N, C-alpha and C. Protein backbone atom coordinates (compact mmCIF):
# COMPACT_ATOMS: atom_id res chain seq x y z
N MET A 1 -79.41 -94.12 78.52
CA MET A 1 -79.58 -95.58 78.66
C MET A 1 -80.64 -96.03 77.56
N LYS A 2 -80.28 -96.99 76.77
CA LYS A 2 -81.06 -97.53 75.72
C LYS A 2 -82.35 -98.20 76.35
N PRO A 3 -83.47 -98.10 75.76
CA PRO A 3 -84.69 -98.77 76.31
C PRO A 3 -84.51 -100.40 76.27
N MET A 4 -85.30 -100.95 77.14
CA MET A 4 -85.38 -102.47 77.09
C MET A 4 -85.84 -102.85 75.84
N LYS A 5 -85.19 -103.78 75.18
CA LYS A 5 -85.56 -104.32 73.86
C LYS A 5 -86.59 -105.49 74.04
N ILE A 6 -87.66 -105.33 73.22
CA ILE A 6 -88.70 -106.33 73.24
C ILE A 6 -88.78 -106.92 71.88
N SER A 7 -88.66 -108.23 71.73
CA SER A 7 -88.73 -108.82 70.39
C SER A 7 -89.51 -110.13 70.45
N VAL A 8 -89.76 -110.64 69.22
CA VAL A 8 -90.41 -111.84 69.11
C VAL A 8 -89.47 -112.79 68.22
N GLU A 9 -89.28 -113.96 68.77
CA GLU A 9 -88.36 -114.99 68.05
C GLU A 9 -89.15 -116.38 68.10
N PRO A 10 -90.01 -116.60 67.14
CA PRO A 10 -90.82 -117.85 67.19
C PRO A 10 -89.89 -119.07 67.18
N GLY A 11 -90.37 -120.16 67.79
CA GLY A 11 -89.59 -121.37 67.82
C GLY A 11 -89.57 -122.15 69.15
N ASP A 12 -88.43 -122.71 69.47
CA ASP A 12 -88.37 -123.59 70.53
C ASP A 12 -87.62 -122.80 71.73
N ILE A 13 -88.32 -122.57 72.82
CA ILE A 13 -87.81 -121.72 73.85
C ILE A 13 -86.61 -122.44 74.58
N THR A 14 -86.48 -123.72 74.42
CA THR A 14 -85.40 -124.45 75.09
C THR A 14 -84.06 -124.21 74.40
N THR A 15 -84.07 -123.57 73.22
CA THR A 15 -82.83 -123.34 72.53
C THR A 15 -82.35 -121.83 72.61
N ILE A 16 -83.13 -121.04 73.13
CA ILE A 16 -82.85 -119.58 73.14
C ILE A 16 -81.77 -119.29 74.18
N ARG A 17 -80.74 -118.65 73.83
CA ARG A 17 -79.65 -118.28 74.79
C ARG A 17 -79.92 -116.98 75.47
N VAL A 18 -80.47 -117.09 76.80
CA VAL A 18 -80.77 -115.99 77.57
C VAL A 18 -80.35 -116.19 78.94
N ASP A 19 -80.37 -115.26 79.81
CA ASP A 19 -80.14 -115.46 81.26
C ASP A 19 -81.12 -116.32 81.99
N ALA A 20 -82.51 -115.95 81.65
CA ALA A 20 -83.65 -116.59 82.29
C ALA A 20 -84.70 -116.99 81.25
N VAL A 21 -85.14 -118.20 81.45
CA VAL A 21 -86.24 -118.75 80.55
C VAL A 21 -87.44 -118.82 81.51
N VAL A 22 -88.54 -118.39 81.06
CA VAL A 22 -89.79 -118.49 81.89
C VAL A 22 -90.58 -119.64 81.53
N ASN A 23 -90.99 -120.42 82.50
CA ASN A 23 -91.74 -121.61 82.27
C ASN A 23 -93.23 -121.45 82.70
N ALA A 24 -94.21 -121.77 81.76
CA ALA A 24 -95.53 -121.83 82.13
C ALA A 24 -95.80 -123.06 82.88
N ALA A 25 -95.62 -122.98 84.20
CA ALA A 25 -95.71 -124.11 85.13
C ALA A 25 -97.11 -124.39 85.55
N ASN A 26 -97.33 -125.54 86.24
CA ASN A 26 -98.55 -125.77 86.94
C ASN A 26 -98.28 -125.57 88.45
N SER A 27 -99.40 -125.37 89.24
CA SER A 27 -99.22 -124.93 90.59
C SER A 27 -98.54 -125.94 91.52
N GLU A 28 -98.47 -127.21 91.03
CA GLU A 28 -97.79 -128.39 91.79
C GLU A 28 -96.30 -128.25 91.55
N LEU A 29 -95.94 -127.43 90.54
CA LEU A 29 -94.44 -127.43 90.11
C LEU A 29 -93.91 -128.77 89.75
N ARG A 30 -94.81 -129.66 89.24
CA ARG A 30 -94.40 -130.88 88.65
C ARG A 30 -94.39 -130.79 87.22
N VAL A 31 -93.80 -131.80 86.57
CA VAL A 31 -93.67 -131.79 85.14
C VAL A 31 -95.01 -131.94 84.48
N GLY A 32 -95.45 -130.93 83.67
CA GLY A 32 -96.73 -130.95 83.02
C GLY A 32 -96.53 -131.27 81.49
N GLY A 33 -97.39 -130.55 80.65
CA GLY A 33 -97.20 -130.74 79.28
C GLY A 33 -96.76 -129.43 78.68
N GLY A 34 -96.72 -129.42 77.33
CA GLY A 34 -96.30 -128.26 76.51
C GLY A 34 -94.94 -127.74 76.87
N VAL A 35 -94.82 -126.44 77.01
CA VAL A 35 -93.53 -125.80 77.27
C VAL A 35 -92.92 -126.34 78.62
N ASP A 36 -93.71 -126.58 79.57
CA ASP A 36 -93.27 -127.16 80.89
C ASP A 36 -92.47 -128.49 80.62
N ALA A 37 -93.13 -129.36 79.88
CA ALA A 37 -92.52 -130.55 79.67
C ALA A 37 -91.21 -130.51 78.87
N ALA A 38 -91.15 -129.58 77.87
CA ALA A 38 -90.02 -129.34 77.02
C ALA A 38 -88.85 -128.77 77.95
N ILE A 39 -89.18 -127.78 78.83
CA ILE A 39 -88.07 -127.26 79.71
C ILE A 39 -87.58 -128.30 80.62
N HIS A 40 -88.41 -129.12 81.23
CA HIS A 40 -87.93 -130.10 82.08
C HIS A 40 -87.09 -131.15 81.37
N CYS A 41 -87.60 -131.55 80.18
CA CYS A 41 -86.86 -132.56 79.34
C CYS A 41 -85.45 -132.15 78.98
N VAL A 42 -85.37 -130.97 78.56
CA VAL A 42 -83.97 -130.45 78.05
C VAL A 42 -83.26 -130.00 79.23
N GLY A 43 -83.78 -129.46 80.22
CA GLY A 43 -83.19 -128.90 81.42
C GLY A 43 -82.64 -129.98 82.37
N GLY A 44 -83.33 -131.15 82.38
CA GLY A 44 -82.77 -132.23 83.18
C GLY A 44 -83.38 -132.21 84.57
N PRO A 45 -82.97 -133.24 85.36
CA PRO A 45 -83.55 -133.49 86.73
C PRO A 45 -83.27 -132.50 87.77
N THR A 46 -82.23 -131.66 87.60
CA THR A 46 -81.92 -130.66 88.64
C THR A 46 -83.11 -129.68 88.82
N ILE A 47 -83.72 -129.30 87.72
CA ILE A 47 -84.87 -128.32 87.82
C ILE A 47 -86.01 -128.89 88.61
N LEU A 48 -86.34 -130.14 88.31
CA LEU A 48 -87.37 -130.85 89.12
C LEU A 48 -87.07 -130.91 90.57
N ALA A 49 -85.76 -131.28 90.84
CA ALA A 49 -85.32 -131.42 92.28
C ALA A 49 -85.55 -130.08 92.96
N GLU A 50 -85.27 -128.99 92.31
CA GLU A 50 -85.31 -127.66 92.96
C GLU A 50 -86.83 -127.25 93.07
N THR A 51 -87.62 -127.53 92.10
CA THR A 51 -89.13 -127.21 92.23
C THR A 51 -89.69 -128.04 93.35
N ARG A 52 -89.27 -129.32 93.56
CA ARG A 52 -89.74 -130.15 94.65
C ARG A 52 -89.54 -129.49 96.00
N ARG A 53 -88.21 -128.97 96.06
CA ARG A 53 -87.84 -128.35 97.32
C ARG A 53 -88.58 -127.13 97.58
N ILE A 54 -88.85 -126.33 96.59
CA ILE A 54 -89.55 -125.01 96.71
C ILE A 54 -91.03 -125.35 97.06
N ARG A 55 -91.60 -126.43 96.44
CA ARG A 55 -92.93 -126.80 96.80
C ARG A 55 -93.01 -127.21 98.30
N ILE A 56 -92.08 -127.97 98.74
CA ILE A 56 -92.11 -128.52 100.16
C ILE A 56 -91.88 -127.31 101.16
N ASP A 57 -90.87 -126.51 100.81
CA ASP A 57 -90.40 -125.55 101.81
C ASP A 57 -91.21 -124.22 101.87
N GLN A 58 -91.71 -123.83 100.62
CA GLN A 58 -92.28 -122.59 100.50
C GLN A 58 -93.80 -122.57 100.08
N TYR A 59 -94.21 -123.54 99.24
CA TYR A 59 -95.60 -123.55 98.77
C TYR A 59 -96.21 -124.94 98.90
N PRO A 60 -96.56 -125.46 100.05
CA PRO A 60 -97.00 -126.73 100.23
C PRO A 60 -98.34 -127.02 99.65
N ASP A 61 -99.15 -125.89 99.49
CA ASP A 61 -100.41 -125.91 98.87
C ASP A 61 -100.40 -125.60 97.33
N GLY A 62 -99.15 -125.47 96.81
CA GLY A 62 -98.99 -125.15 95.44
C GLY A 62 -98.71 -123.60 95.16
N LEU A 63 -98.01 -123.34 94.05
CA LEU A 63 -97.65 -121.98 93.71
C LEU A 63 -98.91 -121.33 93.13
N PRO A 64 -99.30 -120.29 93.76
CA PRO A 64 -100.54 -119.61 93.29
C PRO A 64 -100.40 -118.94 91.86
N ALA A 65 -101.47 -118.93 91.13
CA ALA A 65 -101.42 -118.36 89.81
C ALA A 65 -100.99 -116.88 89.99
N GLY A 66 -100.17 -116.52 89.03
CA GLY A 66 -99.68 -115.12 89.01
C GLY A 66 -98.44 -114.86 89.76
N ARG A 67 -97.96 -115.91 90.58
CA ARG A 67 -96.69 -115.75 91.25
C ARG A 67 -95.54 -116.46 90.46
N ALA A 68 -94.30 -116.22 90.89
CA ALA A 68 -93.08 -116.76 90.18
C ALA A 68 -92.03 -117.16 91.16
N VAL A 69 -91.36 -118.24 90.89
CA VAL A 69 -90.21 -118.60 91.66
C VAL A 69 -89.12 -119.06 90.64
N ALA A 70 -87.76 -119.13 91.14
CA ALA A 70 -86.76 -119.40 90.24
C ALA A 70 -86.05 -120.64 90.64
N THR A 71 -85.47 -121.34 89.61
CA THR A 71 -84.54 -122.55 89.86
C THR A 71 -83.44 -122.36 88.93
N THR A 72 -82.50 -123.32 89.07
CA THR A 72 -81.35 -123.40 88.09
C THR A 72 -82.02 -123.79 86.79
N ALA A 73 -81.23 -123.59 85.64
CA ALA A 73 -81.76 -123.95 84.33
C ALA A 73 -81.24 -125.29 83.92
N GLY A 74 -80.43 -125.96 84.80
CA GLY A 74 -79.95 -127.30 84.42
C GLY A 74 -79.15 -127.27 83.13
N ASN A 75 -79.55 -128.01 82.14
CA ASN A 75 -78.85 -128.17 80.83
C ASN A 75 -79.28 -127.17 79.82
N LEU A 76 -80.23 -126.24 80.10
CA LEU A 76 -80.74 -125.29 79.24
C LEU A 76 -79.62 -124.25 78.94
N PRO A 77 -79.65 -123.51 77.81
CA PRO A 77 -78.67 -122.44 77.60
C PRO A 77 -79.07 -121.16 78.29
N ALA A 78 -79.30 -121.28 79.61
CA ALA A 78 -79.73 -120.07 80.44
C ALA A 78 -79.08 -120.35 81.84
N ARG A 79 -79.22 -119.29 82.70
CA ARG A 79 -78.75 -119.51 84.10
C ARG A 79 -79.96 -119.96 84.92
N TRP A 80 -81.14 -119.38 84.68
CA TRP A 80 -82.33 -119.73 85.55
C TRP A 80 -83.56 -120.04 84.80
N VAL A 81 -84.37 -120.78 85.41
CA VAL A 81 -85.71 -120.95 84.93
C VAL A 81 -86.77 -120.26 85.94
N ILE A 82 -87.53 -119.40 85.46
CA ILE A 82 -88.55 -118.72 86.34
C ILE A 82 -89.80 -119.43 85.99
N HIS A 83 -90.41 -120.04 87.05
CA HIS A 83 -91.66 -120.72 86.89
C HIS A 83 -92.77 -119.89 87.35
N THR A 84 -93.81 -119.77 86.45
CA THR A 84 -94.98 -118.89 86.87
C THR A 84 -96.26 -119.78 86.43
N VAL A 85 -97.27 -119.58 87.24
CA VAL A 85 -98.49 -120.32 86.95
C VAL A 85 -99.58 -119.33 86.39
N GLY A 86 -99.91 -119.62 85.13
CA GLY A 86 -100.90 -118.72 84.42
C GLY A 86 -102.39 -119.14 84.84
N PRO A 87 -103.23 -118.25 84.73
CA PRO A 87 -104.68 -118.53 84.98
C PRO A 87 -105.30 -119.31 83.85
N VAL A 88 -106.31 -120.13 84.23
CA VAL A 88 -107.16 -120.67 83.20
C VAL A 88 -108.17 -119.67 82.63
N TYR A 89 -108.25 -119.61 81.37
CA TYR A 89 -109.22 -118.60 80.78
C TYR A 89 -110.67 -118.94 81.15
N SER A 90 -111.36 -117.79 81.44
CA SER A 90 -112.78 -117.89 81.83
C SER A 90 -113.49 -116.88 81.07
N THR A 91 -114.71 -117.28 80.56
CA THR A 91 -115.58 -116.23 79.84
C THR A 91 -116.43 -115.57 80.95
N ARG A 92 -116.47 -116.18 82.12
CA ARG A 92 -117.36 -115.70 83.23
C ARG A 92 -116.68 -114.66 84.13
N GLU A 93 -115.34 -114.77 84.18
CA GLU A 93 -114.58 -113.93 85.12
C GLU A 93 -113.38 -113.44 84.46
N ASP A 94 -113.06 -112.13 84.60
CA ASP A 94 -112.00 -111.42 84.01
C ASP A 94 -110.71 -111.77 84.85
N ARG A 95 -109.90 -112.60 84.26
CA ARG A 95 -108.58 -112.95 85.04
C ARG A 95 -107.29 -112.38 84.40
N SER A 96 -107.58 -111.31 83.60
CA SER A 96 -106.37 -110.69 82.93
C SER A 96 -105.34 -110.25 83.89
N HIS A 97 -105.86 -109.70 84.99
CA HIS A 97 -104.86 -109.24 85.99
C HIS A 97 -103.96 -110.30 86.53
N VAL A 98 -104.44 -111.60 86.55
CA VAL A 98 -103.56 -112.68 87.01
C VAL A 98 -102.48 -112.97 85.91
N LEU A 99 -102.98 -112.88 84.66
CA LEU A 99 -102.01 -113.08 83.59
C LEU A 99 -100.98 -112.00 83.47
N GLU A 100 -101.35 -110.75 83.76
CA GLU A 100 -100.40 -109.69 83.84
C GLU A 100 -99.49 -109.91 84.95
N SER A 101 -99.92 -110.36 86.00
CA SER A 101 -99.02 -110.72 87.25
C SER A 101 -97.96 -111.70 86.90
N CYS A 102 -98.31 -112.74 86.05
CA CYS A 102 -97.29 -113.68 85.70
C CYS A 102 -96.11 -113.09 85.08
N TYR A 103 -96.44 -112.18 84.09
CA TYR A 103 -95.33 -111.45 83.45
C TYR A 103 -94.65 -110.46 84.38
N ARG A 104 -95.43 -109.67 85.04
CA ARG A 104 -94.81 -108.74 85.96
C ARG A 104 -93.91 -109.39 87.05
N GLU A 105 -94.48 -110.43 87.77
CA GLU A 105 -93.72 -111.13 88.80
C GLU A 105 -92.42 -111.70 88.15
N SER A 106 -92.55 -112.30 87.03
CA SER A 106 -91.42 -113.01 86.39
C SER A 106 -90.36 -111.95 86.05
N LEU A 107 -90.75 -110.78 85.53
CA LEU A 107 -89.74 -109.72 85.17
C LEU A 107 -89.15 -109.16 86.45
N LEU A 108 -89.93 -108.99 87.47
CA LEU A 108 -89.29 -108.44 88.80
C LEU A 108 -88.34 -109.47 89.31
N LEU A 109 -88.65 -110.66 89.30
CA LEU A 109 -87.91 -111.73 89.78
C LEU A 109 -86.54 -111.81 88.94
N ALA A 110 -86.66 -111.77 87.60
CA ALA A 110 -85.46 -111.78 86.72
C ALA A 110 -84.56 -110.58 87.06
N ALA A 111 -85.08 -109.40 87.29
CA ALA A 111 -84.33 -108.28 87.56
C ALA A 111 -83.68 -108.50 89.04
N SER A 112 -84.33 -109.02 90.01
CA SER A 112 -83.71 -109.27 91.24
C SER A 112 -82.60 -110.34 91.20
N LEU A 113 -82.61 -111.18 90.16
CA LEU A 113 -81.64 -112.19 90.01
C LEU A 113 -80.33 -111.71 89.19
N GLY A 114 -80.58 -110.56 88.52
CA GLY A 114 -79.53 -109.99 87.68
C GLY A 114 -79.58 -110.39 86.27
N ALA A 115 -80.69 -110.97 85.87
CA ALA A 115 -80.88 -111.44 84.53
C ALA A 115 -80.96 -110.32 83.55
N ARG A 116 -80.16 -110.27 82.56
CA ARG A 116 -80.11 -109.16 81.56
C ARG A 116 -81.02 -109.47 80.34
N SER A 117 -81.42 -110.78 80.21
CA SER A 117 -82.17 -111.29 79.05
C SER A 117 -83.18 -112.32 79.58
N VAL A 118 -84.42 -112.17 79.15
CA VAL A 118 -85.48 -113.11 79.59
C VAL A 118 -86.25 -113.58 78.41
N ALA A 119 -86.58 -114.93 78.24
CA ALA A 119 -87.39 -115.43 77.17
C ALA A 119 -88.70 -115.98 77.89
N PHE A 120 -89.79 -115.62 77.23
CA PHE A 120 -91.15 -115.94 77.60
C PHE A 120 -91.84 -116.87 76.61
N PRO A 121 -92.66 -117.78 77.08
CA PRO A 121 -93.55 -118.46 76.21
C PRO A 121 -94.89 -117.68 76.21
N ALA A 122 -95.88 -118.16 75.57
CA ALA A 122 -97.16 -117.60 75.51
C ALA A 122 -97.94 -118.18 76.72
N ILE A 123 -97.76 -117.56 77.85
CA ILE A 123 -98.41 -118.09 79.10
C ILE A 123 -99.89 -118.10 79.04
N SER A 124 -100.50 -119.23 79.39
CA SER A 124 -101.99 -119.60 79.52
C SER A 124 -102.59 -119.74 78.15
N ALA A 125 -101.80 -119.58 77.06
CA ALA A 125 -102.43 -119.62 75.75
C ALA A 125 -102.51 -121.10 75.14
N GLY A 126 -102.05 -122.06 75.88
CA GLY A 126 -102.12 -123.50 75.44
C GLY A 126 -103.31 -124.10 76.13
N VAL A 127 -103.05 -125.18 76.89
CA VAL A 127 -104.21 -125.97 77.46
C VAL A 127 -105.02 -125.12 78.41
N TYR A 128 -104.55 -123.91 78.91
CA TYR A 128 -105.33 -123.10 79.79
C TYR A 128 -106.26 -122.23 79.03
N GLY A 129 -106.34 -122.26 77.73
CA GLY A 129 -107.34 -121.73 76.85
C GLY A 129 -107.39 -120.25 76.55
N TRP A 130 -106.35 -119.49 76.97
CA TRP A 130 -106.43 -118.12 76.77
C TRP A 130 -106.36 -117.76 75.27
N PRO A 131 -107.33 -116.92 74.67
CA PRO A 131 -107.20 -116.57 73.30
C PRO A 131 -105.89 -115.93 73.02
N ILE A 132 -105.19 -116.40 71.99
CA ILE A 132 -103.76 -116.02 71.74
C ILE A 132 -103.63 -114.56 71.42
N ASN A 133 -104.63 -113.89 70.76
CA ASN A 133 -104.44 -112.49 70.47
C ASN A 133 -104.41 -111.65 71.74
N ASP A 134 -105.30 -111.98 72.68
CA ASP A 134 -105.34 -111.35 74.00
C ASP A 134 -104.12 -111.62 74.83
N ALA A 135 -103.79 -112.87 74.77
CA ALA A 135 -102.58 -113.30 75.60
C ALA A 135 -101.32 -112.52 75.08
N ALA A 136 -101.16 -112.40 73.84
CA ALA A 136 -99.99 -111.69 73.26
C ALA A 136 -100.02 -110.16 73.66
N ARG A 137 -101.21 -109.60 73.50
CA ARG A 137 -101.43 -108.15 73.88
C ARG A 137 -101.02 -107.94 75.29
N ILE A 138 -101.52 -108.74 76.19
CA ILE A 138 -101.22 -108.67 77.69
C ILE A 138 -99.84 -108.83 77.93
N ALA A 139 -99.25 -109.83 77.24
CA ALA A 139 -97.70 -110.10 77.48
C ALA A 139 -96.86 -108.82 76.99
N VAL A 140 -97.10 -108.41 75.85
CA VAL A 140 -96.28 -107.26 75.33
C VAL A 140 -96.49 -106.00 76.12
N SER A 141 -97.75 -105.70 76.36
CA SER A 141 -97.99 -104.46 77.11
C SER A 141 -97.49 -104.57 78.56
N THR A 142 -97.56 -105.60 79.20
CA THR A 142 -97.11 -105.73 80.44
C THR A 142 -95.51 -105.60 80.54
N ALA A 143 -94.86 -106.19 79.65
CA ALA A 143 -93.41 -106.06 79.59
C ALA A 143 -92.98 -104.54 79.23
N ASP A 144 -93.69 -104.01 78.44
CA ASP A 144 -93.38 -102.54 78.07
C ASP A 144 -93.63 -101.72 79.20
N GLY A 145 -94.71 -101.90 79.96
CA GLY A 145 -95.07 -101.13 81.11
C GLY A 145 -94.06 -101.23 82.30
N LEU A 146 -93.26 -102.39 82.21
CA LEU A 146 -92.25 -102.50 83.31
C LEU A 146 -90.89 -102.09 82.81
N ALA A 147 -90.76 -101.65 81.58
CA ALA A 147 -89.46 -101.31 81.13
C ALA A 147 -88.58 -100.31 81.86
N GLU A 148 -89.31 -99.30 82.41
CA GLU A 148 -88.57 -98.27 83.19
C GLU A 148 -88.20 -98.93 84.57
N GLU A 149 -89.00 -99.76 85.16
CA GLU A 149 -88.76 -100.24 86.49
C GLU A 149 -87.65 -101.34 86.43
N VAL A 150 -87.70 -102.27 85.45
CA VAL A 150 -86.66 -103.31 85.43
C VAL A 150 -85.62 -103.12 84.36
N GLY A 151 -85.74 -102.06 83.54
CA GLY A 151 -84.90 -101.98 82.35
C GLY A 151 -83.44 -101.74 82.65
N ARG A 152 -83.16 -101.28 83.81
CA ARG A 152 -81.71 -101.02 84.28
C ARG A 152 -80.98 -102.34 84.41
N VAL A 153 -81.77 -103.42 84.59
CA VAL A 153 -81.16 -104.83 84.71
C VAL A 153 -81.47 -105.58 83.52
N VAL A 154 -82.78 -105.74 83.35
CA VAL A 154 -83.24 -106.55 82.13
C VAL A 154 -83.25 -105.72 80.94
N ARG A 155 -82.34 -106.04 80.04
CA ARG A 155 -82.11 -105.32 78.83
C ARG A 155 -82.88 -105.82 77.67
N GLU A 156 -83.26 -107.10 77.70
CA GLU A 156 -83.96 -107.74 76.57
C GLU A 156 -85.03 -108.62 77.06
N VAL A 157 -86.22 -108.51 76.45
CA VAL A 157 -87.37 -109.48 76.68
C VAL A 157 -87.56 -110.09 75.26
N ILE A 158 -87.52 -111.45 75.24
CA ILE A 158 -87.88 -112.19 73.95
C ILE A 158 -89.03 -113.04 74.13
N PHE A 159 -90.15 -112.84 73.33
CA PHE A 159 -91.33 -113.76 73.40
C PHE A 159 -91.02 -114.70 72.37
N VAL A 160 -91.18 -116.03 72.81
CA VAL A 160 -90.92 -117.19 71.97
C VAL A 160 -92.26 -117.99 71.72
N PRO A 161 -93.07 -117.49 70.85
CA PRO A 161 -94.31 -118.23 70.59
C PRO A 161 -94.05 -119.45 69.77
N PHE A 162 -94.94 -120.41 69.97
CA PHE A 162 -94.84 -121.64 69.27
C PHE A 162 -95.93 -121.81 68.32
N GLY A 163 -95.79 -122.02 67.04
CA GLY A 163 -96.76 -122.13 66.12
C GLY A 163 -97.09 -120.81 65.39
N GLU A 164 -97.75 -120.96 64.10
CA GLU A 164 -97.94 -119.81 63.35
C GLU A 164 -98.86 -118.87 63.88
N ALA A 165 -100.02 -119.33 64.48
CA ALA A 165 -100.97 -118.38 65.07
C ALA A 165 -100.39 -117.62 66.20
N ALA A 166 -99.66 -118.25 67.05
CA ALA A 166 -99.07 -117.47 68.12
C ALA A 166 -97.96 -116.59 67.73
N SER A 167 -97.19 -116.94 66.71
CA SER A 167 -96.20 -116.07 66.15
C SER A 167 -96.78 -114.80 65.61
N ALA A 168 -97.92 -115.07 64.80
CA ALA A 168 -98.60 -113.91 64.20
C ALA A 168 -99.17 -112.95 65.27
N ALA A 169 -99.81 -113.53 66.35
CA ALA A 169 -100.38 -112.65 67.34
C ALA A 169 -99.31 -111.91 68.03
N PHE A 170 -98.11 -112.44 68.39
CA PHE A 170 -97.06 -111.69 69.12
C PHE A 170 -96.50 -110.66 68.15
N ALA A 171 -96.41 -110.96 66.85
CA ALA A 171 -95.85 -109.97 65.97
C ALA A 171 -96.76 -108.81 65.82
N TRP A 172 -98.08 -109.10 65.79
CA TRP A 172 -99.06 -108.01 65.75
C TRP A 172 -99.06 -107.21 66.93
N ALA A 173 -99.01 -107.80 68.13
CA ALA A 173 -98.95 -107.09 69.44
C ALA A 173 -97.77 -106.21 69.49
N LEU A 174 -96.58 -106.66 69.04
CA LEU A 174 -95.43 -105.85 69.19
C LEU A 174 -95.52 -104.73 68.07
N ALA A 175 -96.06 -105.00 66.91
CA ALA A 175 -96.18 -103.89 65.96
C ALA A 175 -97.24 -102.94 66.41
N ASP A 176 -98.27 -103.28 67.15
CA ASP A 176 -99.30 -102.40 67.66
C ASP A 176 -98.59 -101.52 68.76
N LEU A 177 -97.80 -102.10 69.57
CA LEU A 177 -97.07 -101.25 70.62
C LEU A 177 -96.18 -100.29 69.81
N ASP A 178 -95.47 -100.68 68.84
CA ASP A 178 -94.63 -99.65 68.13
C ASP A 178 -95.43 -98.54 67.53
N ARG A 179 -96.64 -98.83 67.03
CA ARG A 179 -97.58 -97.91 66.47
C ARG A 179 -97.96 -96.92 67.54
N LEU A 180 -98.27 -97.36 68.68
CA LEU A 180 -98.68 -96.55 69.80
C LEU A 180 -97.65 -95.62 70.25
N ARG A 181 -96.35 -96.17 70.27
CA ARG A 181 -95.18 -95.41 70.70
C ARG A 181 -94.93 -94.20 69.76
N LYS A 182 -95.11 -94.43 68.53
CA LYS A 182 -94.96 -93.42 67.52
C LYS A 182 -96.06 -92.44 67.44
N GLY A 183 -97.13 -92.79 68.06
CA GLY A 183 -98.32 -91.94 68.22
C GLY A 183 -98.99 -91.40 67.07
């Protein structure tokens, strides 16, 4: 079996053709800013209708950081949107395990849905303030660490950073992973 492919494709996550797009959501599962706003705008009102239902039925106090839920993708070129809430960066408390959980829970959910390809934004690296180099390292290493567990279903993980700094950070993290693999 070929290993799970991990790649970086900078740009607009709403245009990537994959089975599942991951949304950097807020805990209220309401339309926020950044990638969340873009996904809801392009995906249309069916996504918001499903997140409202999930919020009422399953998470009345909000989706906890590090967890993930799935909805339809509406008008996006995908089947599902996986919503995950990233942690706010803190210099006083190490929350990297929560950011890792966002990627882990999203990939496990994608596999349970039967998604063969998944696109991720740079979770927590926008308004939540996570330093982009560390965010990229955590994202790439977490996906690689799950390759054996989810790789029979999820065949491709695409990181879709927005902006030059984010693109460079993800390219560096992926190159670093390749260097480690080659030993």
